């Protein structure tokens, strides 16, 4: 496969699901994703890391590299720790992150994530719940991601998702900036030294 790569399998999703369940009205606290992004209108989200609004400075949101923890992230310490540990293990800087629920029978419509922010980063999906396996398509490739799996996929390609199961599908979706590319997003950083 060219547009999907399984990074890790066998991660226990239950502690993360329990953490989400412990927050009353977790899916109702932020509706920006479904309200403002037409292709995401059927999905619910819990933002953990978002763009740093003070860094916009006239740029389009899709070109803002700076990110920050959201206020709601304090309610999900286990999820935040997983994100930080995964970024470290993959030698990357953590960027935006969210927990997303796609209800049964709903879809994320075909789109490409455009902008400078996305060009430098990898997009990752950690499957927390998906009884039928999560169907995703990028370009002409299709996969069915299973619970407890962490995947990278190429969101520079036209991509879409559909929940053909009978329960809500829940993923942790996040972006990682490889340290080797950090100087491109943040010009003030020194360029990494070449490998010996």
N, C-alpha and C. Protein backbone atom coordinates (compact mmCIF):
# COMPACT_ATOMS: atom_id res chain seq x y z
N UNK A 1 0.84 -1.20 0.00
CA UNK A 1 0.00 0.00 0.00
C UNK A 1 0.88 1.25 0.00
N UNK A 2 0.41 2.23 -0.72
CA UNK A 2 1.17 3.47 -0.85
C UNK A 2 0.65 4.57 0.08
N UNK A 3 -0.65 4.58 0.34
CA UNK A 3 -1.26 5.69 1.06
C UNK A 3 -1.66 5.37 2.50
N UNK A 4 -1.47 4.15 2.93
CA UNK A 4 -1.76 3.73 4.30
C UNK A 4 -0.59 2.90 4.82
N UNK A 5 -0.32 3.04 6.11
CA UNK A 5 0.71 2.22 6.75
C UNK A 5 0.29 1.92 8.18
N UNK A 6 0.24 0.63 8.51
CA UNK A 6 -0.05 0.22 9.89
C UNK A 6 1.21 0.45 10.72
N UNK A 7 1.11 1.27 11.74
CA UNK A 7 2.25 1.61 12.58
C UNK A 7 2.36 0.65 13.77
N UNK A 8 1.21 0.33 14.36
CA UNK A 8 1.21 -0.51 15.57
C UNK A 8 -0.16 -1.14 15.74
N UNK A 9 -0.19 -2.33 16.28
CA UNK A 9 -1.47 -3.02 16.56
C UNK A 9 -1.44 -3.51 18.00
N UNK A 10 -2.61 -3.91 18.50
CA UNK A 10 -2.70 -4.51 19.83
C UNK A 10 -2.68 -3.53 20.98
N UNK A 11 -2.99 -2.26 20.72
CA UNK A 11 -3.08 -1.26 21.79
C UNK A 11 -4.47 -1.39 22.42
N UNK A 12 -4.53 -1.48 23.73
CA UNK A 12 -5.82 -1.64 24.42
C UNK A 12 -6.60 -0.32 24.38
N UNK A 13 -7.73 -0.27 23.69
CA UNK A 13 -8.49 0.99 23.61
C UNK A 13 -9.37 1.26 24.83
N UNK A 14 -9.61 0.25 25.68
CA UNK A 14 -10.59 0.40 26.75
C UNK A 14 -10.30 1.54 27.73
N UNK A 15 -9.05 1.75 28.16
CA UNK A 15 -8.82 2.88 29.07
C UNK A 15 -9.16 4.23 28.45
N UNK A 16 -8.95 4.37 27.16
CA UNK A 16 -9.28 5.63 26.48
C UNK A 16 -10.79 5.80 26.37
N UNK A 17 -11.49 4.72 26.06
CA UNK A 17 -12.95 4.78 25.98
C UNK A 17 -13.56 5.08 27.35
N UNK A 18 -12.98 4.51 28.41
CA UNK A 18 -13.46 4.79 29.76
C UNK A 18 -13.25 6.25 30.12
N UNK A 19 -12.12 6.81 29.68
CA UNK A 19 -11.85 8.21 29.95
C UNK A 19 -12.88 9.11 29.26
N UNK A 20 -13.21 8.80 28.02
CA UNK A 20 -14.23 9.57 27.30
C UNK A 20 -15.58 9.44 28.00
N UNK A 21 -15.94 8.21 28.40
CA UNK A 21 -17.23 7.96 29.05
C UNK A 21 -17.34 8.67 30.39
N UNK A 22 -16.22 8.98 31.02
CA UNK A 22 -16.24 9.62 32.34
C UNK A 22 -16.58 11.11 32.28
N UNK A 23 -16.60 11.67 31.08
CA UNK A 23 -16.88 13.10 30.91
C UNK A 23 -18.33 13.28 30.44
N UNK A 24 -19.16 13.88 31.28
CA UNK A 24 -20.56 14.11 30.92
C UNK A 24 -20.65 15.02 29.70
N UNK A 25 -21.45 14.59 28.71
CA UNK A 25 -21.66 15.41 27.53
C UNK A 25 -20.42 15.67 26.71
N UNK A 26 -19.47 14.73 26.73
CA UNK A 26 -18.18 14.93 26.06
C UNK A 26 -18.33 15.36 24.61
N UNK A 27 -19.26 14.77 23.90
CA UNK A 27 -19.41 15.05 22.47
C UNK A 27 -20.17 16.34 22.17
N UNK A 28 -20.75 16.94 23.20
CA UNK A 28 -21.56 18.15 23.01
C UNK A 28 -20.81 19.44 23.34
N UNK A 29 -19.59 19.33 23.87
CA UNK A 29 -18.87 20.51 24.35
C UNK A 29 -18.28 21.35 23.23
N UNK A 30 -18.02 20.75 22.08
CA UNK A 30 -17.46 21.49 20.96
C UNK A 30 -18.10 21.00 19.67
N UNK A 31 -18.72 21.92 18.94
CA UNK A 31 -19.41 21.52 17.70
C UNK A 31 -18.82 22.21 16.47
N UNK A 32 -17.66 22.84 16.62
CA UNK A 32 -17.07 23.57 15.51
C UNK A 32 -16.80 22.73 14.28
N UNK A 33 -16.34 21.49 14.49
CA UNK A 33 -16.01 20.63 13.36
C UNK A 33 -17.23 20.38 12.47
N UNK A 34 -18.33 19.95 13.07
CA UNK A 34 -19.51 19.66 12.26
C UNK A 34 -20.24 20.92 11.81
N UNK A 35 -20.08 22.01 12.54
CA UNK A 35 -20.76 23.26 12.17
C UNK A 35 -20.05 24.01 11.04
N UNK A 36 -18.71 23.91 11.01
CA UNK A 36 -17.93 24.76 10.10
C UNK A 36 -17.28 24.04 8.94
N UNK A 37 -17.13 22.73 9.01
CA UNK A 37 -16.43 21.99 7.96
C UNK A 37 -17.44 21.05 7.29
N UNK A 38 -17.89 21.43 6.10
CA UNK A 38 -19.00 20.71 5.45
C UNK A 38 -18.73 19.22 5.29
N UNK A 39 -17.53 18.84 4.90
CA UNK A 39 -17.25 17.41 4.68
C UNK A 39 -17.23 16.62 5.98
N UNK A 40 -17.15 17.32 7.13
CA UNK A 40 -17.11 16.67 8.44
C UNK A 40 -18.44 16.80 9.18
N UNK A 41 -19.48 17.24 8.51
CA UNK A 41 -20.73 17.62 9.19
C UNK A 41 -21.42 16.48 9.93
N UNK A 42 -21.10 15.22 9.60
CA UNK A 42 -21.76 14.10 10.27
C UNK A 42 -20.91 13.53 11.41
N UNK A 43 -19.74 14.11 11.64
CA UNK A 43 -18.84 13.61 12.68
C UNK A 43 -18.89 14.51 13.92
N UNK A 44 -18.65 13.93 15.07
CA UNK A 44 -18.58 14.66 16.34
C UNK A 44 -17.11 14.66 16.78
N UNK A 45 -16.70 15.69 17.49
CA UNK A 45 -15.29 15.77 17.85
C UNK A 45 -15.07 16.32 19.25
N UNK A 46 -13.99 15.84 19.87
CA UNK A 46 -13.47 16.38 21.11
C UNK A 46 -12.07 16.90 20.78
N UNK A 47 -11.91 18.22 20.64
CA UNK A 47 -10.59 18.74 20.30
C UNK A 47 -9.64 18.67 21.50
N UNK A 48 -8.47 18.09 21.29
CA UNK A 48 -7.45 18.01 22.34
C UNK A 48 -6.34 19.03 22.09
N UNK A 49 -5.99 19.20 20.83
CA UNK A 49 -5.01 20.22 20.43
C UNK A 49 -5.55 20.93 19.20
N UNK A 50 -5.49 22.25 19.22
CA UNK A 50 -5.99 23.02 18.09
C UNK A 50 -4.98 24.05 17.67
N UNK A 51 -5.30 24.76 16.61
CA UNK A 51 -4.37 25.78 16.16
C UNK A 51 -4.33 26.91 17.18
N UNK A 52 -3.19 27.55 17.26
CA UNK A 52 -2.99 28.66 18.19
C UNK A 52 -3.51 29.92 17.51
N UNK A 53 -4.68 30.39 17.93
CA UNK A 53 -5.33 31.52 17.26
C UNK A 53 -4.48 32.78 17.25
N UNK A 54 -3.71 32.98 18.31
CA UNK A 54 -2.88 34.19 18.37
C UNK A 54 -1.78 34.17 17.32
N UNK A 55 -1.54 33.03 16.69
CA UNK A 55 -0.48 32.91 15.69
C UNK A 55 -1.00 33.07 14.26
N UNK A 56 -2.30 33.29 14.09
CA UNK A 56 -2.87 33.37 12.74
C UNK A 56 -2.23 34.52 11.94
N UNK A 57 -2.20 35.72 12.51
CA UNK A 57 -1.53 36.86 11.89
C UNK A 57 -1.81 37.01 10.39
N UNK A 58 -3.08 36.94 10.01
CA UNK A 58 -3.45 37.14 8.62
C UNK A 58 -3.34 35.90 7.73
N UNK A 59 -2.83 34.80 8.26
CA UNK A 59 -2.74 33.58 7.46
C UNK A 59 -4.08 32.85 7.47
N UNK A 60 -4.27 32.01 6.46
CA UNK A 60 -5.43 31.12 6.47
C UNK A 60 -5.20 30.09 7.57
N UNK A 61 -6.28 29.61 8.16
CA UNK A 61 -6.17 28.64 9.25
C UNK A 61 -5.38 27.40 8.82
N UNK A 62 -5.51 27.00 7.57
CA UNK A 62 -4.82 25.80 7.09
C UNK A 62 -3.32 26.02 6.89
N UNK A 63 -2.87 27.26 7.05
CA UNK A 63 -1.45 27.57 6.92
C UNK A 63 -0.79 27.88 8.26
N UNK A 64 -1.54 27.77 9.36
CA UNK A 64 -1.00 28.06 10.69
C UNK A 64 -0.36 26.79 11.25
N UNK A 65 0.93 26.86 11.55
CA UNK A 65 1.65 25.69 12.07
C UNK A 65 1.55 25.56 13.58
N UNK A 66 1.43 26.66 14.28
CA UNK A 66 1.45 26.63 15.74
C UNK A 66 0.18 25.98 16.29
N UNK A 67 0.34 25.15 17.31
CA UNK A 67 -0.82 24.51 17.94
C UNK A 67 -0.68 24.58 19.46
N UNK A 68 -1.76 24.26 20.14
CA UNK A 68 -1.80 24.35 21.60
C UNK A 68 -2.77 23.31 22.14
N UNK A 69 -2.63 22.98 23.42
CA UNK A 69 -3.60 22.12 24.09
C UNK A 69 -4.89 22.91 24.29
N UNK A 70 -6.03 22.27 24.11
CA UNK A 70 -7.31 22.92 24.36
C UNK A 70 -7.63 22.87 25.86
N UNK A 71 -8.58 23.66 26.27
CA UNK A 71 -9.02 23.62 27.66
C UNK A 71 -9.56 22.23 28.00
N UNK A 72 -10.30 21.63 27.06
CA UNK A 72 -10.90 20.31 27.29
C UNK A 72 -9.86 19.20 27.43
N UNK A 73 -8.66 19.41 26.93
CA UNK A 73 -7.65 18.35 26.99
C UNK A 73 -7.33 17.93 28.42
N UNK A 74 -7.52 18.84 29.38
CA UNK A 74 -7.25 18.51 30.79
C UNK A 74 -8.15 17.39 31.29
N UNK A 75 -9.28 17.17 30.62
CA UNK A 75 -10.21 16.11 31.01
C UNK A 75 -9.77 14.73 30.49
N UNK A 76 -8.76 14.70 29.64
CA UNK A 76 -8.34 13.46 28.98
C UNK A 76 -6.83 13.22 29.13
N UNK A 77 -6.36 13.10 30.38
CA UNK A 77 -4.91 12.97 30.59
C UNK A 77 -4.30 11.71 29.95
N UNK A 78 -5.04 10.62 29.94
CA UNK A 78 -4.53 9.39 29.34
C UNK A 78 -4.34 9.57 27.83
N UNK A 79 -5.32 10.17 27.18
CA UNK A 79 -5.23 10.42 25.73
C UNK A 79 -4.06 11.35 25.43
N UNK A 80 -3.91 12.40 26.23
CA UNK A 80 -2.83 13.36 26.00
C UNK A 80 -1.46 12.70 26.18
N UNK A 81 -1.34 11.86 27.19
CA UNK A 81 -0.08 11.14 27.42
C UNK A 81 0.23 10.22 26.23
N UNK A 82 -0.79 9.53 25.71
CA UNK A 82 -0.60 8.66 24.55
C UNK A 82 -0.08 9.48 23.36
N UNK A 83 -0.67 10.63 23.12
CA UNK A 83 -0.25 11.48 22.00
C UNK A 83 1.21 11.91 22.17
N UNK A 84 1.56 12.36 23.36
CA UNK A 84 2.94 12.79 23.61
C UNK A 84 3.93 11.64 23.45
N UNK A 85 3.59 10.48 23.98
CA UNK A 85 4.48 9.32 23.90
C UNK A 85 4.63 8.84 22.46
N UNK A 86 3.54 8.87 21.70
CA UNK A 86 3.60 8.45 20.29
C UNK A 86 4.47 9.40 19.48
N UNK A 87 4.30 10.71 19.70
CA UNK A 87 5.13 11.69 19.00
C UNK A 87 6.60 11.46 19.31
N UNK A 88 6.91 11.25 20.57
CA UNK A 88 8.31 11.01 20.97
C UNK A 88 8.86 9.73 20.33
N UNK A 89 8.06 8.66 20.36
CA UNK A 89 8.51 7.38 19.80
C UNK A 89 8.78 7.47 18.30
N UNK A 90 8.04 8.33 17.61
CA UNK A 90 8.20 8.47 16.16
C UNK A 90 9.10 9.65 15.78
N UNK A 91 9.76 10.25 16.79
CA UNK A 91 10.69 11.37 16.60
C UNK A 91 10.01 12.53 15.87
N UNK A 92 8.86 12.92 16.40
CA UNK A 92 8.06 13.98 15.80
C UNK A 92 7.63 14.99 16.86
N UNK A 93 7.14 16.12 16.38
CA UNK A 93 6.51 17.11 17.24
C UNK A 93 5.00 16.95 17.09
N UNK A 94 4.30 16.96 18.22
CA UNK A 94 2.85 16.82 18.21
C UNK A 94 2.20 18.11 17.73
N UNK A 95 1.24 17.98 16.83
CA UNK A 95 0.52 19.13 16.31
C UNK A 95 -0.94 19.04 16.75
N UNK A 96 -1.89 19.21 15.84
CA UNK A 96 -3.31 19.18 16.21
C UNK A 96 -3.77 17.74 16.48
N UNK A 97 -4.79 17.63 17.35
CA UNK A 97 -5.29 16.30 17.73
C UNK A 97 -6.73 16.41 18.19
N UNK A 98 -7.48 15.35 17.93
CA UNK A 98 -8.87 15.32 18.37
C UNK A 98 -9.33 13.87 18.51
N UNK A 99 -10.38 13.68 19.25
CA UNK A 99 -11.06 12.39 19.30
C UNK A 99 -12.33 12.58 18.49
N UNK A 100 -12.57 11.68 17.55
CA UNK A 100 -13.68 11.86 16.62
C UNK A 100 -14.61 10.66 16.65
N UNK A 101 -15.89 10.93 16.70
CA UNK A 101 -16.91 9.89 16.62
C UNK A 101 -17.67 10.04 15.31
N UNK A 102 -17.75 8.95 14.57
CA UNK A 102 -18.56 8.92 13.35
C UNK A 102 -19.71 7.95 13.62
N UNK A 103 -20.92 8.47 13.81
CA UNK A 103 -22.05 7.61 14.14
C UNK A 103 -22.35 6.58 13.05
N UNK A 104 -23.02 5.50 13.44
CA UNK A 104 -23.38 4.44 12.50
C UNK A 104 -24.14 5.02 11.32
N UNK A 105 -23.74 4.59 10.13
CA UNK A 105 -24.41 5.04 8.91
C UNK A 105 -23.99 6.41 8.40
N UNK A 106 -23.07 7.05 9.08
CA UNK A 106 -22.63 8.39 8.70
C UNK A 106 -21.28 8.33 7.98
N UNK A 107 -20.91 9.45 7.36
CA UNK A 107 -19.67 9.47 6.57
C UNK A 107 -18.91 10.78 6.73
N UNK A 108 -17.64 10.71 6.38
CA UNK A 108 -16.82 11.90 6.13
C UNK A 108 -16.70 11.95 4.62
N UNK A 109 -17.11 13.06 4.04
CA UNK A 109 -17.20 13.17 2.58
C UNK A 109 -15.83 13.36 1.94
N UNK A 110 -15.68 12.98 0.67
CA UNK A 110 -14.38 13.06 0.00
C UNK A 110 -13.79 14.48 0.04
N UNK A 111 -12.52 14.54 0.40
CA UNK A 111 -11.81 15.82 0.46
C UNK A 111 -10.31 15.60 0.52
N UNK A 112 -9.56 16.66 0.31
CA UNK A 112 -8.12 16.69 0.49
C UNK A 112 -7.84 17.76 1.53
N UNK A 113 -6.97 17.47 2.49
CA UNK A 113 -6.59 18.47 3.49
C UNK A 113 -5.53 19.36 2.86
N UNK A 114 -5.90 20.61 2.59
CA UNK A 114 -5.01 21.52 1.86
C UNK A 114 -4.36 22.53 2.82
N UNK A 115 -3.20 23.03 2.41
CA UNK A 115 -2.53 24.08 3.17
C UNK A 115 -1.14 23.69 3.61
N UNK A 116 -0.37 24.71 3.98
CA UNK A 116 1.02 24.49 4.41
C UNK A 116 1.10 23.59 5.64
N UNK A 117 0.16 23.76 6.56
CA UNK A 117 0.17 22.94 7.78
C UNK A 117 0.19 21.45 7.43
N UNK A 118 -0.69 21.02 6.54
CA UNK A 118 -0.84 19.60 6.22
C UNK A 118 0.31 19.06 5.38
N UNK A 119 0.93 19.91 4.53
CA UNK A 119 1.97 19.42 3.63
C UNK A 119 3.17 18.86 4.38
N UNK A 120 3.43 19.38 5.58
CA UNK A 120 4.62 18.96 6.32
C UNK A 120 4.36 17.85 7.32
N UNK A 121 3.12 17.54 7.57
CA UNK A 121 2.79 16.63 8.67
C UNK A 121 2.21 15.31 8.18
N UNK A 122 2.33 14.31 9.04
CA UNK A 122 1.68 13.03 8.81
C UNK A 122 0.39 12.99 9.61
N UNK A 123 -0.63 12.35 9.04
CA UNK A 123 -1.93 12.20 9.69
C UNK A 123 -2.03 10.77 10.23
N UNK A 124 -2.45 10.64 11.47
CA UNK A 124 -2.53 9.34 12.15
C UNK A 124 -3.93 9.10 12.69
N UNK A 125 -4.35 7.84 12.67
CA UNK A 125 -5.62 7.40 13.24
C UNK A 125 -5.33 6.27 14.22
N UNK A 126 -5.78 6.44 15.45
CA UNK A 126 -5.74 5.37 16.45
C UNK A 126 -7.19 4.95 16.66
N UNK A 127 -7.52 3.70 16.32
CA UNK A 127 -8.90 3.21 16.35
C UNK A 127 -9.25 2.76 17.77
N UNK A 128 -10.19 3.47 18.39
CA UNK A 128 -10.63 3.13 19.74
C UNK A 128 -11.84 2.20 19.72
N UNK A 129 -12.79 2.48 18.83
CA UNK A 129 -13.96 1.60 18.71
C UNK A 129 -14.41 1.56 17.26
N UNK A 130 -14.57 0.34 16.77
CA UNK A 130 -15.09 0.13 15.42
C UNK A 130 -15.40 -1.35 15.27
N UNK A 131 -16.61 -1.71 15.62
CA UNK A 131 -16.97 -3.14 15.66
C UNK A 131 -16.84 -3.81 14.29
N UNK A 132 -17.11 -3.09 13.21
CA UNK A 132 -17.02 -3.67 11.87
C UNK A 132 -15.67 -3.40 11.22
N UNK A 133 -14.80 -2.68 11.92
CA UNK A 133 -13.57 -2.20 11.30
C UNK A 133 -13.88 -0.92 10.57
N UNK A 134 -12.97 0.03 10.62
CA UNK A 134 -13.20 1.36 10.04
C UNK A 134 -12.76 1.40 8.59
N UNK A 135 -13.71 1.66 7.71
CA UNK A 135 -13.40 1.76 6.29
C UNK A 135 -12.94 3.18 5.98
N UNK A 136 -11.77 3.27 5.35
CA UNK A 136 -11.26 4.54 4.86
C UNK A 136 -10.72 4.32 3.46
N UNK A 137 -10.79 5.37 2.66
CA UNK A 137 -10.28 5.32 1.29
C UNK A 137 -9.41 6.55 1.07
N UNK A 138 -8.23 6.35 0.46
CA UNK A 138 -7.36 7.44 0.03
C UNK A 138 -6.94 7.13 -1.39
N UNK A 139 -7.21 8.06 -2.30
CA UNK A 139 -7.00 7.82 -3.74
C UNK A 139 -7.75 6.55 -4.10
N UNK A 140 -7.07 5.56 -4.70
CA UNK A 140 -7.76 4.32 -5.09
C UNK A 140 -7.61 3.21 -4.05
N UNK A 141 -6.91 3.48 -2.94
CA UNK A 141 -6.69 2.45 -1.92
C UNK A 141 -7.74 2.51 -0.83
N UNK A 142 -8.13 1.33 -0.36
CA UNK A 142 -9.09 1.22 0.73
C UNK A 142 -8.51 0.33 1.82
N UNK A 143 -8.81 0.67 3.07
CA UNK A 143 -8.41 -0.18 4.20
C UNK A 143 -9.60 -0.32 5.15
N UNK A 144 -9.49 -1.29 6.03
CA UNK A 144 -10.43 -1.46 7.12
C UNK A 144 -9.60 -1.55 8.39
N UNK A 145 -9.54 -0.46 9.11
CA UNK A 145 -8.75 -0.37 10.33
C UNK A 145 -9.49 -1.02 11.49
N UNK A 146 -8.75 -1.73 12.31
CA UNK A 146 -9.36 -2.46 13.43
C UNK A 146 -9.06 -1.78 14.77
N UNK A 147 -9.91 -2.10 15.74
CA UNK A 147 -9.73 -1.55 17.09
C UNK A 147 -8.33 -1.86 17.60
N UNK A 148 -7.72 -0.87 18.25
CA UNK A 148 -6.40 -1.05 18.83
C UNK A 148 -5.25 -0.85 17.85
N UNK A 149 -5.57 -0.44 16.62
CA UNK A 149 -4.53 -0.21 15.62
C UNK A 149 -4.25 1.28 15.46
N UNK A 150 -2.96 1.59 15.21
CA UNK A 150 -2.52 2.95 14.90
C UNK A 150 -2.04 2.95 13.46
N UNK A 151 -2.63 3.84 12.65
CA UNK A 151 -2.32 3.93 11.23
C UNK A 151 -1.85 5.33 10.86
N UNK A 152 -0.94 5.40 9.89
CA UNK A 152 -0.64 6.63 9.16
C UNK A 152 -1.38 6.55 7.84
N UNK A 153 -1.87 7.70 7.35
CA UNK A 153 -2.38 7.70 5.98
C UNK A 153 -2.08 9.04 5.33
N UNK A 154 -2.09 9.04 4.02
CA UNK A 154 -1.70 10.20 3.22
C UNK A 154 -2.92 11.08 2.95
N UNK A 155 -3.09 12.12 3.76
CA UNK A 155 -4.25 13.00 3.58
C UNK A 155 -4.02 14.07 2.51
N UNK A 156 -2.89 13.94 1.77
CA UNK A 156 -2.71 14.74 0.55
C UNK A 156 -3.54 14.18 -0.59
N UNK A 157 -4.02 12.96 -0.43
CA UNK A 157 -4.86 12.30 -1.43
C UNK A 157 -6.33 12.59 -1.13
N UNK A 158 -7.17 12.50 -2.15
CA UNK A 158 -8.61 12.57 -1.92
C UNK A 158 -8.98 11.41 -1.00
N UNK A 159 -9.63 11.69 0.12
CA UNK A 159 -9.94 10.63 1.07
C UNK A 159 -11.34 10.80 1.65
N UNK A 160 -11.86 9.69 2.17
CA UNK A 160 -13.21 9.66 2.73
C UNK A 160 -13.34 8.50 3.69
N UNK A 161 -14.39 8.54 4.49
CA UNK A 161 -14.66 7.46 5.45
C UNK A 161 -16.16 7.23 5.52
N UNK A 162 -16.53 6.00 5.86
CA UNK A 162 -17.94 5.65 6.02
C UNK A 162 -18.05 4.64 7.15
N UNK A 163 -18.97 4.86 8.07
CA UNK A 163 -19.20 3.91 9.16
C UNK A 163 -20.34 2.99 8.76
N UNK A 164 -19.98 1.80 8.27
CA UNK A 164 -21.00 0.83 7.88
C UNK A 164 -21.31 -0.16 9.00
N UNK A 165 -20.83 0.14 10.21
CA UNK A 165 -21.14 -0.68 11.37
C UNK A 165 -22.43 -0.25 12.04
N UNK A 166 -22.74 -0.87 13.16
CA UNK A 166 -23.99 -0.56 13.86
C UNK A 166 -23.76 0.21 15.16
N UNK A 167 -22.51 0.65 15.40
CA UNK A 167 -22.17 1.46 16.56
C UNK A 167 -21.34 2.66 16.11
N UNK A 168 -21.29 3.67 16.98
CA UNK A 168 -20.43 4.81 16.67
C UNK A 168 -18.99 4.34 16.56
N UNK A 169 -18.29 4.87 15.57
CA UNK A 169 -16.87 4.59 15.37
C UNK A 169 -16.10 5.72 16.04
N UNK A 170 -15.13 5.38 16.89
CA UNK A 170 -14.36 6.40 17.60
C UNK A 170 -12.88 6.23 17.30
N UNK A 171 -12.27 7.31 16.82
CA UNK A 171 -10.84 7.34 16.53
C UNK A 171 -10.19 8.52 17.25
N UNK A 172 -8.93 8.38 17.60
CA UNK A 172 -8.11 9.51 17.97
C UNK A 172 -7.35 9.88 16.69
N UNK A 173 -7.51 11.10 16.21
CA UNK A 173 -6.91 11.55 14.96
C UNK A 173 -5.95 12.68 15.28
N UNK A 174 -4.71 12.54 14.80
CA UNK A 174 -3.72 13.56 15.16
C UNK A 174 -2.66 13.69 14.07
N UNK A 175 -1.97 14.82 14.12
CA UNK A 175 -0.94 15.15 13.15
C UNK A 175 0.41 15.23 13.83
N UNK A 176 1.42 14.68 13.17
CA UNK A 176 2.78 14.72 13.69
C UNK A 176 3.71 15.37 12.67
N UNK A 177 4.55 16.26 13.16
CA UNK A 177 5.55 16.93 12.34
C UNK A 177 6.90 16.27 12.59
N UNK A 178 7.46 15.59 11.59
CA UNK A 178 8.78 14.98 11.78
C UNK A 178 9.80 16.05 12.21
N UNK A 179 10.63 15.73 13.19
CA UNK A 179 11.62 16.71 13.67
C UNK A 179 12.51 17.21 12.54
N UNK A 180 12.76 16.34 11.56
CA UNK A 180 13.61 16.72 10.43
C UNK A 180 12.99 17.82 9.57
N UNK A 181 11.67 18.03 9.68
CA UNK A 181 10.98 19.07 8.91
C UNK A 181 10.59 20.27 9.76
N UNK A 182 10.88 20.24 11.06
CA UNK A 182 10.42 21.28 11.96
C UNK A 182 10.91 22.66 11.56
N UNK A 183 12.13 22.76 11.02
CA UNK A 183 12.67 24.06 10.62
C UNK A 183 11.88 24.67 9.46
N UNK A 184 11.18 23.84 8.68
CA UNK A 184 10.36 24.35 7.58
C UNK A 184 9.08 25.01 8.10
N UNK A 185 8.53 24.46 9.18
CA UNK A 185 7.32 25.02 9.77
C UNK A 185 7.63 26.20 10.68
N UNK A 186 8.78 26.13 11.34
CA UNK A 186 9.18 27.14 12.31
C UNK A 186 10.57 27.63 11.94
N UNK A 187 10.68 28.59 11.03
CA UNK A 187 11.98 29.01 10.50
C UNK A 187 12.99 29.44 11.54
N UNK A 188 12.56 29.82 12.73
CA UNK A 188 13.49 30.22 13.79
C UNK A 188 14.28 29.05 14.35
N UNK A 189 13.82 27.83 14.11
CA UNK A 189 14.52 26.66 14.62
C UNK A 189 15.72 26.35 13.74
N UNK A 190 16.74 25.84 14.35
CA UNK A 190 17.92 25.44 13.57
C UNK A 190 17.59 24.20 12.75
N UNK A 191 18.16 24.13 11.56
CA UNK A 191 17.98 22.94 10.73
C UNK A 191 18.72 21.78 11.37
N UNK A 192 18.13 20.59 11.38
CA UNK A 192 18.81 19.46 12.03
C UNK A 192 20.13 19.15 11.33
N UNK A 193 21.09 18.71 12.14
CA UNK A 193 22.40 18.32 11.59
C UNK A 193 22.25 17.04 10.78
N UNK A 194 23.02 16.89 9.70
CA UNK A 194 22.94 15.67 8.92
C UNK A 194 23.38 14.45 9.72
N UNK A 195 22.79 13.32 9.43
CA UNK A 195 23.14 12.07 10.15
C UNK A 195 24.58 11.71 9.85
N UNK A 196 25.26 11.17 10.86
CA UNK A 196 26.68 10.80 10.71
C UNK A 196 26.83 9.53 9.91
